[in-house]
Amino acid sequence: MDATEATYYRWRQEFGGLKSDQVRRMKELEAENARLRHTAVDLTLDKLILKEAASGNS
């Protein structure tokens, strides 16, 4: 599979002087960051729901 010239230059601009293992690690960290961000949103929503439920019982 060949990348288009535009794709090549976009990748080159994004990943510049990184070696393939560094790019792989960066992608892993980006995925982990997204997972943690999603978890934080879920926990914040749970907290707001519990807070609202607790205030309704007063």
N, C-alpha and C. Protein backbone atom coordinates (compact mmCIF):
# COMPACT_ATOMS: atom_id res chain seq x y z
N MET A 1 0.84 -1.18 0.00
CA MET A 1 0.00 0.00 0.00
C MET A 1 0.89 1.24 0.00
N ASP A 2 0.67 2.09 -0.92
CA ASP A 2 1.47 3.31 -1.02
C ASP A 2 0.68 4.49 -0.46
N ALA A 3 1.36 5.32 0.30
CA ALA A 3 0.75 6.54 0.81
C ALA A 3 0.85 7.61 -0.27
N THR A 4 -0.15 8.46 -0.30
CA THR A 4 -0.08 9.57 -1.26
C THR A 4 1.01 10.53 -0.82
N GLU A 5 1.41 11.37 -1.74
CA GLU A 5 2.46 12.34 -1.42
C GLU A 5 2.01 13.27 -0.30
N ALA A 6 0.75 13.67 -0.32
CA ALA A 6 0.22 14.55 0.73
C ALA A 6 0.27 13.86 2.10
N THR A 7 -0.06 12.57 2.12
CA THR A 7 -0.01 11.80 3.36
C THR A 7 1.42 11.72 3.88
N TYR A 8 2.35 11.47 2.99
CA TYR A 8 3.75 11.39 3.37
C TYR A 8 4.20 12.68 4.04
N TYR A 9 3.88 13.81 3.42
CA TYR A 9 4.32 15.09 3.98
C TYR A 9 3.61 15.42 5.29
N ARG A 10 2.35 15.01 5.41
CA ARG A 10 1.63 15.22 6.67
C ARG A 10 2.27 14.39 7.77
N TRP A 11 2.57 13.12 7.49
CA TRP A 11 3.23 12.27 8.48
C TRP A 11 4.61 12.82 8.83
N ARG A 12 5.32 13.27 7.82
CA ARG A 12 6.66 13.82 8.05
C ARG A 12 6.60 15.05 8.94
N GLN A 13 5.59 15.89 8.71
CA GLN A 13 5.44 17.09 9.54
C GLN A 13 5.05 16.72 10.96
N GLU A 14 4.16 15.73 11.10
CA GLU A 14 3.69 15.33 12.43
C GLU A 14 4.74 14.57 13.22
N PHE A 15 5.44 13.67 12.57
CA PHE A 15 6.35 12.77 13.28
C PHE A 15 7.82 13.07 13.05
N GLY A 16 8.12 14.06 12.22
CA GLY A 16 9.46 14.57 11.98
C GLY A 16 10.59 13.61 12.18
N GLY A 17 11.39 13.83 13.21
CA GLY A 17 12.59 13.04 13.44
C GLY A 17 12.40 11.86 14.36
N LEU A 18 11.16 11.46 14.61
CA LEU A 18 10.93 10.34 15.51
C LEU A 18 11.23 9.02 14.82
N LYS A 19 11.78 8.10 15.58
CA LYS A 19 12.00 6.75 15.08
C LYS A 19 10.70 5.97 15.22
N SER A 20 10.60 4.86 14.52
CA SER A 20 9.33 4.11 14.49
C SER A 20 8.89 3.67 15.89
N ASP A 21 9.84 3.28 16.75
CA ASP A 21 9.44 2.87 18.10
C ASP A 21 8.94 4.07 18.91
N GLN A 22 9.47 5.25 18.63
CA GLN A 22 9.01 6.45 19.33
C GLN A 22 7.60 6.83 18.85
N VAL A 23 7.34 6.68 17.57
CA VAL A 23 6.01 6.96 17.03
C VAL A 23 5.00 5.98 17.64
N ARG A 24 5.39 4.71 17.70
CA ARG A 24 4.51 3.68 18.28
C ARG A 24 4.19 4.02 19.73
N ARG A 25 5.21 4.41 20.49
CA ARG A 25 5.01 4.76 21.90
C ARG A 25 4.11 5.99 22.03
N MET A 26 4.31 6.98 21.16
CA MET A 26 3.49 8.17 21.20
C MET A 26 2.02 7.82 20.92
N LYS A 27 1.79 6.94 19.96
CA LYS A 27 0.43 6.52 19.65
C LYS A 27 -0.18 5.78 20.84
N GLU A 28 0.61 4.94 21.51
CA GLU A 28 0.13 4.24 22.71
C GLU A 28 -0.24 5.24 23.80
N LEU A 29 0.60 6.24 24.00
CA LEU A 29 0.32 7.24 25.02
C LEU A 29 -0.91 8.07 24.68
N GLU A 30 -1.10 8.39 23.39
CA GLU A 30 -2.28 9.12 22.98
C GLU A 30 -3.55 8.30 23.23
N ALA A 31 -3.49 7.00 22.97
CA ALA A 31 -4.64 6.13 23.22
C ALA A 31 -4.92 6.04 24.72
N GLU A 32 -3.88 5.90 25.51
CA GLU A 32 -4.04 5.85 26.98
C GLU A 32 -4.61 7.16 27.49
N ASN A 33 -4.14 8.27 26.97
CA ASN A 33 -4.63 9.58 27.37
C ASN A 33 -6.13 9.71 27.06
N ALA A 34 -6.54 9.25 25.89
CA ALA A 34 -7.95 9.30 25.51
C ALA A 34 -8.78 8.43 26.45
N ARG A 35 -8.26 7.24 26.80
CA ARG A 35 -8.97 6.34 27.71
C ARG A 35 -9.11 6.98 29.09
N LEU A 36 -8.04 7.60 29.58
CA LEU A 36 -8.09 8.24 30.89
C LEU A 36 -9.02 9.45 30.89
N ARG A 37 -9.01 10.20 29.80
CA ARG A 37 -9.91 11.35 29.68
C ARG A 37 -11.37 10.88 29.72
N HIS A 38 -11.65 9.80 29.02
CA HIS A 38 -13.01 9.24 29.01
C HIS A 38 -13.41 8.77 30.41
N THR A 39 -12.48 8.13 31.10
CA THR A 39 -12.74 7.67 32.47
C THR A 39 -13.02 8.85 33.40
N ALA A 40 -12.26 9.92 33.26
CA ALA A 40 -12.47 11.11 34.09
C ALA A 40 -13.84 11.72 33.84
N VAL A 41 -14.27 11.75 32.59
CA VAL A 41 -15.60 12.28 32.26
C VAL A 41 -16.67 11.40 32.89
N ASP A 42 -16.52 10.08 32.79
CA ASP A 42 -17.49 9.17 33.39
C ASP A 42 -17.57 9.36 34.90
N LEU A 43 -16.42 9.48 35.55
CA LEU A 43 -16.41 9.66 37.01
C LEU A 43 -17.02 10.99 37.42
N THR A 44 -16.76 12.03 36.65
CA THR A 44 -17.35 13.34 36.94
C THR A 44 -18.86 13.28 36.81
N LEU A 45 -19.35 12.61 35.78
CA LEU A 45 -20.79 12.45 35.59
C LEU A 45 -21.39 11.66 36.74
N ASP A 46 -20.74 10.57 37.15
CA ASP A 46 -21.21 9.79 38.29
C ASP A 46 -21.28 10.65 39.54
N LYS A 47 -20.27 11.46 39.77
CA LYS A 47 -20.24 12.33 40.94
C LYS A 47 -21.40 13.32 40.91
N LEU A 48 -21.66 13.92 39.75
CA LEU A 48 -22.77 14.87 39.64
C LEU A 48 -24.12 14.19 39.87
N ILE A 49 -24.27 12.98 39.37
CA ILE A 49 -25.52 12.23 39.57
C ILE A 49 -25.72 11.92 41.05
N LEU A 50 -24.67 11.47 41.71
CA LEU A 50 -24.76 11.16 43.14
C LEU A 50 -25.04 12.41 43.97
N LYS A 51 -24.39 13.51 43.60
CA LYS A 51 -24.62 14.76 44.32
C LYS A 51 -26.06 15.22 44.16
N GLU A 52 -26.60 15.11 42.97
CA GLU A 52 -27.99 15.49 42.72
C GLU A 52 -28.95 14.57 43.48
N ALA A 53 -28.66 13.28 43.48
CA ALA A 53 -29.50 12.33 44.21
C ALA A 53 -29.47 12.60 45.70
N ALA A 54 -28.28 12.93 46.24
CA ALA A 54 -28.15 13.21 47.66
C ALA A 54 -28.88 14.48 48.04
N SER A 55 -28.84 15.49 47.20
CA SER A 55 -29.52 16.74 47.53
C SER A 55 -31.03 16.59 47.42
N GLY A 56 -31.51 15.66 46.65
CA GLY A 56 -32.94 15.40 46.54
C GLY A 56 -33.49 14.68 47.74
N ASN A 57 -32.62 14.05 48.52
CA ASN A 57 -33.05 13.31 49.71
C ASN A 57 -33.05 14.16 50.97
N SER A 58 -32.68 15.43 50.85
CA SER A 58 -32.58 16.29 52.04
C SER A 58 -33.93 16.75 52.47
